[in-house]
N, C-alpha and C. Protein backbone atom coordinates (compact mmCIF):
# COMPACT_ATOMS: atom_id res chain seq x y z
N UNK A 1 89.89 94.93 101.08
CA UNK A 1 88.50 94.45 100.68
C UNK A 1 87.66 95.83 101.02
N UNK A 2 86.68 96.08 100.11
CA UNK A 2 85.85 97.13 100.40
C UNK A 2 84.83 96.61 101.44
N UNK A 3 84.36 97.59 102.34
CA UNK A 3 83.40 97.30 103.23
C UNK A 3 82.10 96.71 102.64
N UNK A 4 81.60 97.29 101.66
CA UNK A 4 80.40 96.67 101.12
C UNK A 4 80.39 95.32 100.77
N UNK A 5 81.70 94.75 100.28
CA UNK A 5 81.89 93.50 99.85
C UNK A 5 81.57 92.38 100.94
N UNK A 6 81.50 92.78 102.13
CA UNK A 6 81.36 91.94 103.35
C UNK A 6 79.98 91.68 103.47
N UNK A 7 79.15 92.66 103.02
CA UNK A 7 77.58 92.40 103.20
C UNK A 7 77.10 91.28 102.19
N UNK A 8 77.82 91.04 101.09
CA UNK A 8 77.24 90.29 100.20
C UNK A 8 77.64 88.83 100.58
N UNK A 9 76.51 87.89 100.34
CA UNK A 9 76.64 86.53 100.84
C UNK A 9 77.84 85.89 100.02
N UNK A 10 78.81 85.14 100.75
CA UNK A 10 79.97 84.51 99.97
C UNK A 10 79.35 83.31 99.20
N UNK A 11 79.87 83.16 97.88
CA UNK A 11 79.50 82.16 96.85
C UNK A 11 80.43 81.17 96.62
N UNK A 12 81.75 81.42 97.04
CA UNK A 12 82.74 80.54 96.76
C UNK A 12 82.63 79.42 97.66
N UNK A 13 83.02 78.09 97.04
CA UNK A 13 82.98 76.96 97.88
C UNK A 13 84.16 76.90 98.79
N UNK A 14 84.23 75.81 99.63
CA UNK A 14 85.35 75.63 100.66
C UNK A 14 86.70 75.65 100.08
N UNK A 15 87.58 76.33 100.46
CA UNK A 15 88.96 76.58 100.10
C UNK A 15 89.89 75.68 100.72
N UNK A 16 90.74 74.89 100.01
CA UNK A 16 91.74 74.01 100.36
C UNK A 16 92.98 74.85 100.56
N UNK A 17 93.48 75.29 101.75
CA UNK A 17 94.69 76.08 101.92
C UNK A 17 95.76 75.09 101.98
N UNK A 18 96.91 75.76 101.27
CA UNK A 18 98.14 75.10 101.30
C UNK A 18 99.00 75.43 102.48
N UNK A 19 99.27 74.47 103.36
CA UNK A 19 100.04 74.59 104.49
C UNK A 19 101.44 74.99 104.27
N UNK A 20 102.07 75.87 104.93
CA UNK A 20 103.54 76.20 104.85
C UNK A 20 104.38 74.86 104.95
N UNK A 21 105.53 74.81 104.22
CA UNK A 21 106.20 73.60 104.36
C UNK A 21 106.51 73.27 105.66
N UNK A 22 106.30 72.20 106.31
CA UNK A 22 106.66 71.70 107.74
C UNK A 22 108.05 71.09 107.79
N UNK A 23 108.66 71.08 108.82
CA UNK A 23 109.90 70.36 109.07
C UNK A 23 109.37 69.07 109.49
N UNK A 24 110.35 68.25 109.77
CA UNK A 24 110.10 66.98 110.23
C UNK A 24 109.33 66.98 111.55
N UNK A 25 108.13 66.27 111.62
CA UNK A 25 107.17 66.52 112.86
C UNK A 25 107.70 65.54 113.80
N UNK A 26 107.88 66.17 115.14
CA UNK A 26 108.01 65.43 116.23
C UNK A 26 106.82 64.79 117.06
N UNK A 27 105.88 65.93 116.99
CA UNK A 27 104.47 65.63 117.69
C UNK A 27 103.34 66.28 116.73
N UNK A 28 102.56 65.52 116.63
CA UNK A 28 101.32 65.97 115.77
C UNK A 28 100.11 66.21 116.66
N UNK A 29 99.76 67.42 116.97
CA UNK A 29 98.54 67.62 117.90
C UNK A 29 97.35 67.71 117.05
N UNK A 30 96.39 66.98 117.47
CA UNK A 30 94.93 67.06 116.73
C UNK A 30 94.28 68.39 117.13
N UNK A 31 93.14 68.71 116.33
CA UNK A 31 92.46 69.76 116.68
C UNK A 31 91.79 69.67 117.95
N UNK A 32 91.30 70.86 118.66
CA UNK A 32 90.91 70.64 120.00
C UNK A 32 89.62 70.10 120.17
N UNK A 33 88.65 70.02 119.06
CA UNK A 33 87.40 69.24 119.23
C UNK A 33 87.22 68.25 118.19
N UNK A 34 88.37 67.54 117.83
CA UNK A 34 88.29 66.55 116.97
C UNK A 34 87.50 65.17 117.35
N UNK A 35 86.62 64.77 116.33
CA UNK A 35 85.63 63.85 116.67
C UNK A 35 86.25 62.61 116.11
N UNK A 36 86.81 61.60 117.05
CA UNK A 36 87.32 60.32 116.32
C UNK A 36 86.18 59.44 115.69
N UNK A 37 86.66 58.96 114.52
CA UNK A 37 85.55 58.19 113.74
C UNK A 37 85.77 56.78 114.06
N UNK A 38 86.69 56.31 114.98
CA UNK A 38 86.78 55.01 115.15
C UNK A 38 86.14 54.53 116.62
N UNK A 39 85.11 53.90 116.73
CA UNK A 39 84.52 53.63 117.90
C UNK A 39 84.88 52.21 118.29
N UNK A 40 85.73 51.94 119.37
CA UNK A 40 86.09 50.65 119.65
C UNK A 40 84.73 49.83 120.16
N UNK A 41 83.80 50.70 120.75
CA UNK A 41 82.55 50.03 121.32
C UNK A 41 81.51 49.63 120.24
N UNK A 42 81.78 50.08 118.84
CA UNK A 42 80.93 49.78 117.85
C UNK A 42 81.12 48.26 117.43
N UNK A 43 79.77 47.77 117.47
CA UNK A 43 79.83 46.32 117.20
C UNK A 43 78.90 45.95 116.04
N UNK A 44 78.52 47.16 115.29
CA UNK A 44 77.66 46.92 114.00
C UNK A 44 78.38 46.55 112.87
N UNK A 45 79.45 45.70 112.97
CA UNK A 45 80.20 45.21 111.74
C UNK A 45 79.65 44.70 110.66
N UNK A 46 78.35 44.22 110.73
CA UNK A 46 77.54 43.72 109.82
C UNK A 46 76.85 44.68 108.99
N UNK A 47 76.74 45.97 109.39
CA UNK A 47 76.12 46.99 108.53
C UNK A 47 77.00 47.51 107.52
N UNK A 48 76.80 47.22 106.22
CA UNK A 48 77.52 47.91 105.22
C UNK A 48 77.36 49.30 104.94
N UNK A 49 78.41 50.08 104.76
CA UNK A 49 78.45 51.32 104.55
C UNK A 49 79.11 51.85 103.27
N UNK A 50 78.44 52.28 102.32
CA UNK A 50 78.83 52.56 100.95
C UNK A 50 79.87 53.54 101.02
N UNK A 51 81.17 53.15 100.45
CA UNK A 51 82.31 54.32 100.64
C UNK A 51 82.07 55.68 99.95
N UNK A 52 81.36 55.58 98.89
CA UNK A 52 81.06 56.93 98.22
C UNK A 52 79.95 57.73 99.18
N UNK A 53 79.02 57.02 99.69
CA UNK A 53 78.13 57.63 100.59
C UNK A 53 78.68 58.25 101.76
N UNK A 54 79.71 57.47 102.43
CA UNK A 54 80.69 57.87 103.53
C UNK A 54 81.38 59.14 103.25
N UNK A 55 81.87 59.16 101.87
CA UNK A 55 82.50 60.52 101.61
C UNK A 55 81.57 61.84 101.72
N UNK A 56 80.46 61.54 101.19
CA UNK A 56 79.70 62.62 100.98
C UNK A 56 78.78 62.96 102.36
N UNK A 57 78.48 61.88 103.05
CA UNK A 57 77.77 62.05 104.35
C UNK A 57 78.41 61.12 105.28
N UNK A 58 79.71 61.66 105.87
CA UNK A 58 80.46 61.01 106.71
C UNK A 58 79.87 60.73 108.05
N UNK A 59 79.88 59.56 108.79
CA UNK A 59 79.33 59.36 110.13
C UNK A 59 79.96 60.17 111.22
N UNK A 60 81.20 60.71 111.01
CA UNK A 60 81.82 61.69 111.93
C UNK A 60 81.38 63.04 111.86
N UNK A 61 80.68 63.40 110.84
CA UNK A 61 80.33 64.69 110.62
C UNK A 61 79.45 65.37 111.52
N UNK A 62 79.59 66.57 112.02
CA UNK A 62 78.61 67.03 113.02
C UNK A 62 79.05 68.63 112.89
N UNK A 63 77.94 69.30 112.61
CA UNK A 63 77.92 70.79 112.23
C UNK A 63 78.36 71.43 113.71
N UNK A 64 79.52 72.32 113.77
CA UNK A 64 79.87 72.81 114.89
C UNK A 64 78.78 73.99 115.51
N UNK A 65 78.61 73.95 116.80
CA UNK A 65 77.63 74.90 117.32
C UNK A 65 78.11 76.22 117.32
N UNK A 66 77.31 77.12 116.98
CA UNK A 66 77.53 78.68 116.90
C UNK A 66 77.89 79.13 118.07
N UNK A 67 78.92 80.00 118.13
CA UNK A 67 79.21 80.76 119.41
C UNK A 67 79.68 79.92 120.65
N UNK A 68 80.37 78.79 120.31
CA UNK A 68 80.81 77.72 121.32
C UNK A 68 82.28 77.77 121.10
N UNK A 69 83.04 78.22 121.91
CA UNK A 69 84.49 78.23 121.64
C UNK A 69 85.02 76.64 122.52
N UNK A 70 85.80 76.03 121.46
CA UNK A 70 86.17 74.72 121.99
C UNK A 70 87.49 74.83 122.90
N UNK A 71 87.98 76.02 122.86
CA UNK A 71 89.08 76.24 123.89
C UNK A 71 88.71 76.73 125.04
N UNK A 72 87.35 77.03 125.24
CA UNK A 72 86.77 77.34 126.68
C UNK A 72 86.92 76.38 127.73
N UNK A 73 87.63 76.67 128.65
CA UNK A 73 87.85 75.72 129.84
C UNK A 73 89.19 74.93 129.74
N UNK A 74 89.88 75.22 128.68
CA UNK A 74 91.01 74.28 128.45
C UNK A 74 92.22 75.04 129.20
N UNK A 75 93.07 74.29 129.77
CA UNK A 75 94.14 74.66 130.47
C UNK A 75 95.20 74.06 129.95
N UNK A 76 96.37 74.81 130.10
CA UNK A 76 97.86 74.24 129.86
C UNK A 76 98.10 73.24 130.77
N UNK A 77 98.67 72.08 130.38
CA UNK A 77 99.22 71.19 131.22
C UNK A 77 100.60 70.85 131.02
N UNK A 78 101.34 71.52 132.10
CA UNK A 78 102.86 71.44 132.12
C UNK A 78 103.52 69.95 132.07
N UNK A 79 102.61 69.12 132.27
CA UNK A 79 103.33 67.66 132.40
C UNK A 79 103.35 67.05 130.96
N UNK A 80 102.81 67.50 130.02
CA UNK A 80 102.77 66.84 128.56
C UNK A 80 104.11 67.34 127.92
N UNK A 81 104.43 66.11 126.95
CA UNK A 81 105.50 66.37 126.13
C UNK A 81 106.71 66.26 126.73
N UNK A 82 107.00 65.60 127.94
CA UNK A 82 108.24 65.56 128.67
C UNK A 82 109.16 64.63 127.85
N UNK A 83 110.38 65.11 127.74
CA UNK A 83 111.52 64.28 127.01
C UNK A 83 111.23 63.88 125.61
N UNK A 84 110.25 64.65 124.92
CA UNK A 84 109.99 64.34 123.39
C UNK A 84 110.75 65.12 122.45
N UNK A 85 111.76 66.05 123.03
CA UNK A 85 112.47 66.82 122.09
C UNK A 85 113.93 66.37 122.54
N UNK A 86 114.95 66.42 121.42
CA UNK A 86 116.20 66.06 121.57
C UNK A 86 116.96 67.21 122.30
N UNK A 87 116.34 68.40 122.19
CA UNK A 87 117.28 69.62 122.95
C UNK A 87 116.17 70.24 123.87
N UNK A 88 116.85 70.52 125.05
CA UNK A 88 115.92 71.14 126.10
C UNK A 88 115.38 72.49 125.64
N UNK A 89 116.30 73.09 124.76
CA UNK A 89 115.82 74.48 124.46
C UNK A 89 114.62 74.44 123.57
N UNK A 90 114.52 73.43 122.62
CA UNK A 90 113.37 73.08 121.69
C UNK A 90 112.02 72.86 122.53
N UNK A 91 112.33 72.05 123.73
CA UNK A 91 111.22 71.66 124.58
C UNK A 91 110.56 73.01 125.27
N UNK A 92 111.57 73.94 125.64
CA UNK A 92 111.11 75.01 126.30
C UNK A 92 110.24 75.99 125.42
N UNK A 93 110.74 75.96 124.05
CA UNK A 93 110.01 76.80 123.16
C UNK A 93 108.87 76.23 122.96
N UNK A 94 108.61 74.93 122.70
CA UNK A 94 107.44 74.01 122.64
C UNK A 94 106.24 74.46 123.55
N UNK A 95 106.77 74.43 124.91
CA UNK A 95 105.90 74.52 125.99
C UNK A 95 105.51 76.01 125.98
N UNK A 96 106.23 77.18 125.68
CA UNK A 96 105.80 78.50 125.47
C UNK A 96 104.85 78.53 124.44
N UNK A 97 104.98 77.85 123.29
CA UNK A 97 104.09 77.85 122.12
C UNK A 97 102.66 77.27 122.57
N UNK A 98 102.68 76.07 123.35
CA UNK A 98 101.43 75.53 123.56
C UNK A 98 100.58 76.46 124.65
N UNK A 99 101.41 76.88 125.64
CA UNK A 99 100.66 77.66 126.51
C UNK A 99 100.16 79.09 125.97
N UNK A 100 100.81 79.69 125.21
CA UNK A 100 100.36 80.99 124.47
C UNK A 100 99.03 80.65 123.55
N UNK A 101 99.10 79.30 122.78
CA UNK A 101 98.12 78.93 121.93
C UNK A 101 96.89 78.79 122.77
N UNK A 102 97.06 78.11 123.94
CA UNK A 102 95.90 77.89 124.74
C UNK A 102 95.21 79.24 125.36
N UNK A 103 96.32 79.73 125.94
CA UNK A 103 95.73 81.05 126.52
C UNK A 103 95.04 82.02 125.65
N UNK A 104 95.56 82.09 124.29
CA UNK A 104 94.99 82.99 123.41
C UNK A 104 93.91 82.31 122.51
N UNK A 105 93.47 81.02 122.86
CA UNK A 105 92.63 80.21 122.32
C UNK A 105 92.75 80.27 120.80
N UNK A 106 94.08 80.08 120.39
CA UNK A 106 94.14 79.78 118.94
C UNK A 106 94.44 80.86 118.03
N UNK A 107 94.31 82.00 118.60
CA UNK A 107 94.42 83.26 117.73
C UNK A 107 95.77 83.99 117.80
N UNK A 108 96.58 83.76 118.61
CA UNK A 108 97.96 84.32 118.51
C UNK A 108 98.93 83.60 119.30
N UNK A 109 100.23 83.63 118.81
CA UNK A 109 101.40 83.23 119.43
C UNK A 109 102.69 84.13 118.94
N UNK A 110 103.49 84.56 120.02
CA UNK A 110 104.66 85.41 119.59
C UNK A 110 105.24 84.86 118.18
N UNK A 111 105.62 85.97 117.50
CA UNK A 111 106.46 85.66 116.27
C UNK A 111 107.72 84.75 116.19
N UNK A 112 108.25 84.94 117.68
CA UNK A 112 109.57 84.26 117.75
C UNK A 112 109.34 82.81 117.97
N UNK A 113 107.98 82.24 118.23
CA UNK A 113 107.72 80.86 118.42
C UNK A 113 106.97 80.46 117.08
N UNK A 114 107.06 80.97 116.25
CA UNK A 114 106.36 80.59 114.91
C UNK A 114 107.10 79.33 114.44
N UNK A 115 108.32 79.16 114.59
CA UNK A 115 108.78 77.75 114.05
C UNK A 115 108.21 76.61 114.79
N UNK A 116 107.81 76.69 115.97
CA UNK A 116 107.13 75.71 116.41
C UNK A 116 105.78 75.19 115.94
N UNK A 117 105.33 75.90 115.10
CA UNK A 117 103.95 75.44 114.19
C UNK A 117 104.45 74.18 113.50
N UNK A 118 105.58 74.11 113.16
CA UNK A 118 106.07 72.94 112.21
C UNK A 118 106.00 71.64 113.08
N UNK A 119 105.72 71.64 114.42
CA UNK A 119 105.31 70.52 115.23
C UNK A 119 104.13 70.23 115.56
N UNK A 120 103.21 71.13 114.90
CA UNK A 120 101.74 71.14 115.39
C UNK A 120 100.81 71.09 114.17
N UNK A 121 99.56 70.82 114.15
CA UNK A 121 98.49 70.93 113.32
C UNK A 121 98.20 72.47 112.98
N UNK A 122 98.51 73.28 113.97
CA UNK A 122 98.27 74.69 113.88
C UNK A 122 99.25 75.36 113.02
N UNK A 123 99.13 75.97 111.82
CA UNK A 123 99.87 76.73 110.99
C UNK A 123 99.59 78.14 110.98
N UNK A 124 100.71 78.85 111.13
CA UNK A 124 100.82 80.35 111.17
C UNK A 124 100.89 80.67 109.57
N UNK A 125 100.38 81.88 109.27
CA UNK A 125 100.60 82.44 108.07
C UNK A 125 101.46 83.70 108.09
N UNK A 126 102.70 83.56 107.76
CA UNK A 126 103.66 84.77 108.18
C UNK A 126 103.44 85.95 107.16
N UNK A 127 102.92 85.81 106.05
CA UNK A 127 102.51 86.78 105.12
C UNK A 127 101.45 86.55 104.42
N UNK A 128 100.46 87.54 104.83
CA UNK A 128 98.99 87.30 104.16
C UNK A 128 98.89 87.41 102.70
N UNK A 129 99.85 87.75 102.09
CA UNK A 129 100.00 87.94 100.63
C UNK A 129 100.53 86.65 99.93
N UNK A 130 100.69 85.77 100.66
CA UNK A 130 101.12 84.48 100.18
C UNK A 130 100.04 83.77 99.29
N UNK A 131 100.26 82.97 98.36
CA UNK A 131 99.09 82.34 97.77
C UNK A 131 98.35 81.19 98.55
N UNK A 132 97.17 81.27 98.69
CA UNK A 132 96.36 80.33 99.34
C UNK A 132 96.06 79.13 98.47
N UNK A 133 94.85 79.32 97.79
CA UNK A 133 94.32 78.42 96.78
C UNK A 133 93.25 79.10 96.13
N UNK A 134 92.93 78.27 94.94
CA UNK A 134 91.87 79.00 94.04
C UNK A 134 91.86 80.36 93.77
N UNK A 135 93.19 80.72 93.41
CA UNK A 135 93.45 81.93 92.83
C UNK A 135 93.28 83.24 93.90
N UNK A 136 93.35 82.78 95.26
CA UNK A 136 93.23 83.63 96.29
C UNK A 136 94.56 83.79 97.16
N UNK A 137 94.74 85.03 97.63
CA UNK A 137 95.81 84.98 98.71
C UNK A 137 95.26 84.68 100.07
N UNK A 138 95.99 84.55 101.11
CA UNK A 138 95.56 84.13 102.57
C UNK A 138 94.85 85.57 102.94
N UNK A 139 95.07 86.60 102.58
CA UNK A 139 94.45 87.81 103.01
C UNK A 139 93.09 87.88 102.30
N UNK A 140 92.83 87.41 101.26
CA UNK A 140 91.54 87.42 100.58
C UNK A 140 90.51 86.24 101.20
N UNK A 141 91.42 85.19 101.41
CA UNK A 141 90.63 83.98 101.96
C UNK A 141 90.16 84.34 103.46
N UNK A 142 90.98 84.77 104.22
CA UNK A 142 90.62 85.08 105.45
C UNK A 142 89.60 86.08 105.74
N UNK A 143 89.69 87.11 104.67
CA UNK A 143 88.75 88.23 104.58
C UNK A 143 87.17 87.63 104.30
N UNK A 144 87.28 86.76 103.26
CA UNK A 144 86.06 86.09 103.02
C UNK A 144 85.58 85.41 104.23
N UNK A 145 86.33 84.50 105.00
CA UNK A 145 85.73 83.71 106.01
C UNK A 145 85.44 84.77 107.18
N UNK A 146 86.09 85.52 107.36
CA UNK A 146 85.81 86.68 108.47
C UNK A 146 84.35 87.32 108.17
N UNK A 147 84.23 87.74 106.91
CA UNK A 147 82.88 88.23 106.59
C UNK A 147 81.80 87.26 106.74
N UNK A 148 82.08 85.88 106.54
CA UNK A 148 81.04 84.99 106.67
C UNK A 148 80.67 84.67 108.18
N UNK A 149 81.50 84.85 109.12
CA UNK A 149 81.36 84.88 110.46
C UNK A 149 80.66 86.18 110.90
N UNK A 150 81.16 87.35 110.51
CA UNK A 150 80.64 88.61 110.67
C UNK A 150 79.25 88.59 110.27
N UNK A 151 78.83 88.16 109.38
CA UNK A 151 77.39 88.15 108.77
C UNK A 151 76.50 87.41 109.78
N UNK A 152 76.89 86.19 110.27
CA UNK A 152 76.27 85.42 111.34
C UNK A 152 76.14 86.40 112.51
N UNK A 153 77.18 86.99 112.81
CA UNK A 153 77.36 87.78 114.09
C UNK A 153 76.41 88.86 114.16
N UNK A 154 76.22 89.53 113.08
CA UNK A 154 75.33 90.63 112.83
C UNK A 154 73.98 90.33 112.91
N UNK A 155 73.62 88.93 112.24
CA UNK A 155 72.23 88.62 112.42
C UNK A 155 71.82 88.18 113.84
N UNK A 156 72.79 87.61 114.48
CA UNK A 156 72.65 87.10 115.81
C UNK A 156 72.41 88.22 116.91
N UNK A 157 73.22 89.14 116.71
CA UNK A 157 73.23 90.37 117.66
C UNK A 157 72.40 91.37 117.12
N UNK A 158 71.90 91.54 115.96
CA UNK A 158 71.09 92.54 115.34
C UNK A 158 71.95 93.81 115.49
N UNK A 159 73.18 93.71 115.11
CA UNK A 159 74.02 94.95 114.99
C UNK A 159 74.42 95.03 113.51
N UNK A 160 75.54 96.15 113.31
CA UNK A 160 75.84 96.33 111.84
C UNK A 160 77.34 96.64 111.88
N UNK A 161 78.09 95.47 112.38
CA UNK A 161 79.54 95.68 112.52
C UNK A 161 80.20 95.51 111.25
N UNK A 162 80.94 96.39 110.76
CA UNK A 162 81.57 96.25 109.28
C UNK A 162 83.09 95.92 109.35
N UNK A 163 83.17 95.07 108.42
CA UNK A 163 84.74 94.34 108.31
C UNK A 163 85.52 95.63 107.57
N UNK A 164 86.82 95.58 108.11
CA UNK A 164 87.81 96.71 107.59
C UNK A 164 89.02 95.78 106.97
N UNK A 165 89.80 95.10 107.62
CA UNK A 165 90.96 94.50 107.28
C UNK A 165 91.31 93.30 107.92
N UNK A 166 92.07 92.36 107.40
CA UNK A 166 92.56 91.15 108.26
C UNK A 166 93.80 91.63 108.89
N UNK A 167 94.18 91.30 110.13
CA UNK A 167 95.43 91.31 110.88
C UNK A 167 96.33 90.34 110.68
N UNK A 168 95.78 89.09 110.93
CA UNK A 168 96.55 87.78 110.92
C UNK A 168 95.72 86.81 110.74
N UNK A 169 96.37 85.58 110.54
CA UNK A 169 95.26 84.20 110.55
C UNK A 169 96.34 83.07 110.85
N UNK A 170 95.68 82.20 111.53
CA UNK A 170 96.25 80.81 111.84
C UNK A 170 95.06 79.74 111.44
N UNK A 171 95.55 78.66 110.81
CA UNK A 171 94.73 77.57 110.38
C UNK A 171 95.13 76.26 110.96
N UNK A 172 94.35 75.16 110.91
CA UNK A 172 94.80 73.88 111.33
C UNK A 172 94.76 73.12 110.00
N UNK A 173 95.74 72.34 109.79
CA UNK A 173 95.84 71.58 108.57
C UNK A 173 94.87 70.29 108.64
N UNK A 174 94.58 69.82 107.29
CA UNK A 174 93.74 68.66 107.28
C UNK A 174 92.39 68.91 106.65
N UNK A 175 91.61 67.94 106.26
CA UNK A 175 90.24 68.21 105.60
C UNK A 175 89.23 68.82 106.27
N UNK A 176 89.38 69.07 107.63
CA UNK A 176 88.47 69.69 108.41
C UNK A 176 89.33 70.96 109.01
N UNK A 177 89.69 71.77 108.16
CA UNK A 177 90.44 72.87 108.53
C UNK A 177 89.69 73.98 109.17
N UNK A 178 90.27 74.42 110.27
CA UNK A 178 89.65 75.53 111.06
C UNK A 178 90.62 76.79 110.90
N UNK A 179 90.02 78.03 110.57
CA UNK A 179 90.74 79.34 110.54
C UNK A 179 90.43 80.15 111.89
N UNK A 180 91.57 80.53 112.39
CA UNK A 180 91.45 81.66 113.54
C UNK A 180 91.95 82.91 112.80
N UNK A 181 91.01 83.85 112.68
CA UNK A 181 91.13 85.02 112.14
C UNK A 181 91.01 86.35 112.96
N UNK A 182 92.02 87.18 112.98
CA UNK A 182 92.00 88.43 113.74
C UNK A 182 91.78 89.43 112.66
N UNK A 183 90.88 90.56 112.93
CA UNK A 183 90.56 91.43 111.98
C UNK A 183 90.05 92.71 112.58
N UNK A 184 90.15 93.68 111.92
CA UNK A 184 89.66 95.01 112.35
C UNK A 184 88.39 95.34 111.74
N UNK A 185 87.59 95.98 112.64
CA UNK A 185 86.19 96.12 112.23
C UNK A 185 85.76 97.65 112.88
N UNK A 186 84.62 98.10 112.42
CA UNK A 186 83.81 99.35 112.77
C UNK A 186 82.62 98.93 113.45
N UNK A 187 82.34 99.39 114.62
CA UNK A 187 80.97 99.14 115.20
C UNK A 187 80.01 100.16 114.77
N UNK A 188 80.59 101.29 114.37
CA UNK A 188 79.71 102.53 113.89
C UNK A 188 80.37 103.08 112.62
N UNK A 189 79.79 103.56 111.60
CA UNK A 189 80.40 104.12 110.35
C UNK A 189 81.63 105.12 110.58
N UNK A 190 81.41 105.96 111.68
CA UNK A 190 82.44 106.91 112.01
C UNK A 190 83.06 106.69 113.22
N UNK A 191 82.87 105.44 113.63
CA UNK A 191 83.69 104.87 115.09
C UNK A 191 84.93 104.50 114.81
N UNK A 192 85.81 104.17 115.79
CA UNK A 192 87.24 103.78 115.99
C UNK A 192 87.28 102.37 115.34
N UNK A 193 88.51 102.03 115.03
CA UNK A 193 88.83 100.58 114.58
C UNK A 193 88.61 99.64 115.90
N UNK A 194 88.15 98.58 115.80
CA UNK A 194 88.16 97.52 116.92
C UNK A 194 88.48 96.31 116.54
N UNK A 195 89.42 95.64 117.14
CA UNK A 195 89.83 94.50 116.91
C UNK A 195 88.82 93.26 117.29
N UNK A 196 88.65 92.25 116.23
CA UNK A 196 87.66 91.26 116.35
C UNK A 196 88.30 89.95 116.03
N UNK A 197 87.83 88.93 116.41
CA UNK A 197 88.10 87.57 116.17
C UNK A 197 87.05 86.68 115.46
N UNK A 198 87.34 85.82 114.44
CA UNK A 198 86.60 85.01 113.80
C UNK A 198 87.06 83.69 113.70
N UNK A 199 86.23 82.53 113.78
CA UNK A 199 86.60 81.30 113.67
C UNK A 199 85.64 80.62 112.74
N UNK A 200 86.27 79.82 111.93
CA UNK A 200 85.32 79.16 110.78
C UNK A 200 85.85 77.74 110.58
N UNK A 201 84.96 77.02 110.20
CA UNK A 201 85.26 75.48 109.99
C UNK A 201 85.11 75.24 108.41
N UNK A 202 86.20 74.63 107.70
CA UNK A 202 86.14 74.33 106.30
C UNK A 202 86.35 72.96 106.19
N UNK A 203 85.11 72.34 105.50
CA UNK A 203 85.30 71.14 105.03
C UNK A 203 85.50 70.74 103.67
N UNK A 204 86.71 70.26 103.29
CA UNK A 204 87.19 70.07 101.91
C UNK A 204 86.29 69.17 101.08
N UNK A 205 85.92 68.01 101.77
CA UNK A 205 85.04 67.03 100.94
C UNK A 205 83.75 67.50 100.76
N UNK A 206 82.99 68.09 101.66
CA UNK A 206 81.65 68.61 101.59
C UNK A 206 81.58 70.06 100.87
N UNK A 207 82.85 70.65 100.76
CA UNK A 207 82.86 71.87 100.10
C UNK A 207 81.93 72.93 100.77
N UNK A 208 81.97 73.00 102.24
CA UNK A 208 81.15 73.73 102.79
C UNK A 208 81.93 74.59 103.90
N UNK A 209 81.51 75.68 104.28
CA UNK A 209 82.29 76.44 105.48
C UNK A 209 81.15 76.82 106.56
N UNK A 210 81.48 76.56 107.69
CA UNK A 210 80.67 76.98 108.93
C UNK A 210 81.05 77.94 109.85
N UNK A 211 80.44 78.97 110.01
CA UNK A 211 81.01 79.86 111.01
C UNK A 211 80.81 79.25 112.35
N UNK A 212 81.92 79.66 113.04
CA UNK A 212 82.07 78.90 114.58
C UNK A 212 81.75 80.09 115.54
N UNK A 213 82.47 81.15 115.39
CA UNK A 213 82.19 82.28 116.30
C UNK A 213 82.75 83.56 115.68
N UNK A 214 82.28 84.68 116.29
CA UNK A 214 82.78 86.07 116.02
C UNK A 214 82.77 86.83 117.26
N UNK A 215 83.71 87.57 117.59
CA UNK A 215 83.52 88.41 118.85
C UNK A 215 84.65 89.41 118.85
N UNK A 216 84.35 90.42 119.77
CA UNK A 216 85.49 91.42 120.03
C UNK A 216 86.62 90.68 120.59
N UNK A 217 87.91 90.96 120.07
CA UNK A 217 89.00 90.39 120.78
C UNK A 217 89.23 90.69 122.17
N UNK A 218 89.29 89.69 123.08
CA UNK A 218 89.28 90.09 124.44
C UNK A 218 90.77 90.84 124.82
N UNK A 219 90.48 91.59 125.93
CA UNK A 219 91.73 92.44 126.36
C UNK A 219 92.51 91.63 127.00
N UNK A 220 93.81 91.85 127.29
CA UNK A 220 94.85 90.91 127.70
C UNK A 220 94.56 90.37 129.20
N UNK A 221 93.99 91.07 129.89
CA UNK A 221 93.56 90.57 131.43
C UNK A 221 92.22 89.87 131.29
N UNK A 222 91.60 89.58 130.10
CA UNK A 222 90.36 88.91 130.08
C UNK A 222 90.47 87.52 129.26
N UNK A 223 91.89 87.24 128.91
CA UNK A 223 92.05 86.20 128.13
C UNK A 223 92.14 84.97 129.14
């Protein structure tokens, strides 16, 4: 993608990405800041809600707050998922996967653990040139979403960081998909390449995309 393309406001509607074909799921983990739509304490059963209106203006809908990382403060709990896998080897791999996913705040897991995505809502894209949807590849889709977040970042920081290229991407499955995008950028026109991260929320029903965060990728000892 040309650097100038990133400066233009995106006009495409929300993209429904096609998840890679999963294996039989043993455990389905929800997104980190999922808002449950079923409130057991809600006693307003007499209030009629039009189904069509609920689709367009769902009661669970809440625009994510900018520059707030839902992984912030989240720690890996080794007591989870005990005896849920038929093989001890699979359980060990799953624990490594969960630990790395949390420690890297959703942006990276070692390639050898990619098969573990089949047991999770978090999906890795092994090849950015695979077709996503609406005539785009994942590389093109992630580039568009990274630019959306970078535009918000530049406005907020009064900076002029330029998008260069996508490095990798992870997304969560479902109608409220979140993309975790790692990309290279330039903070000065003649400056070196710097690794950045972008996170965006895509709502399929409302056909809108919401930038969540954009930042320099933290160094290993800062994660």
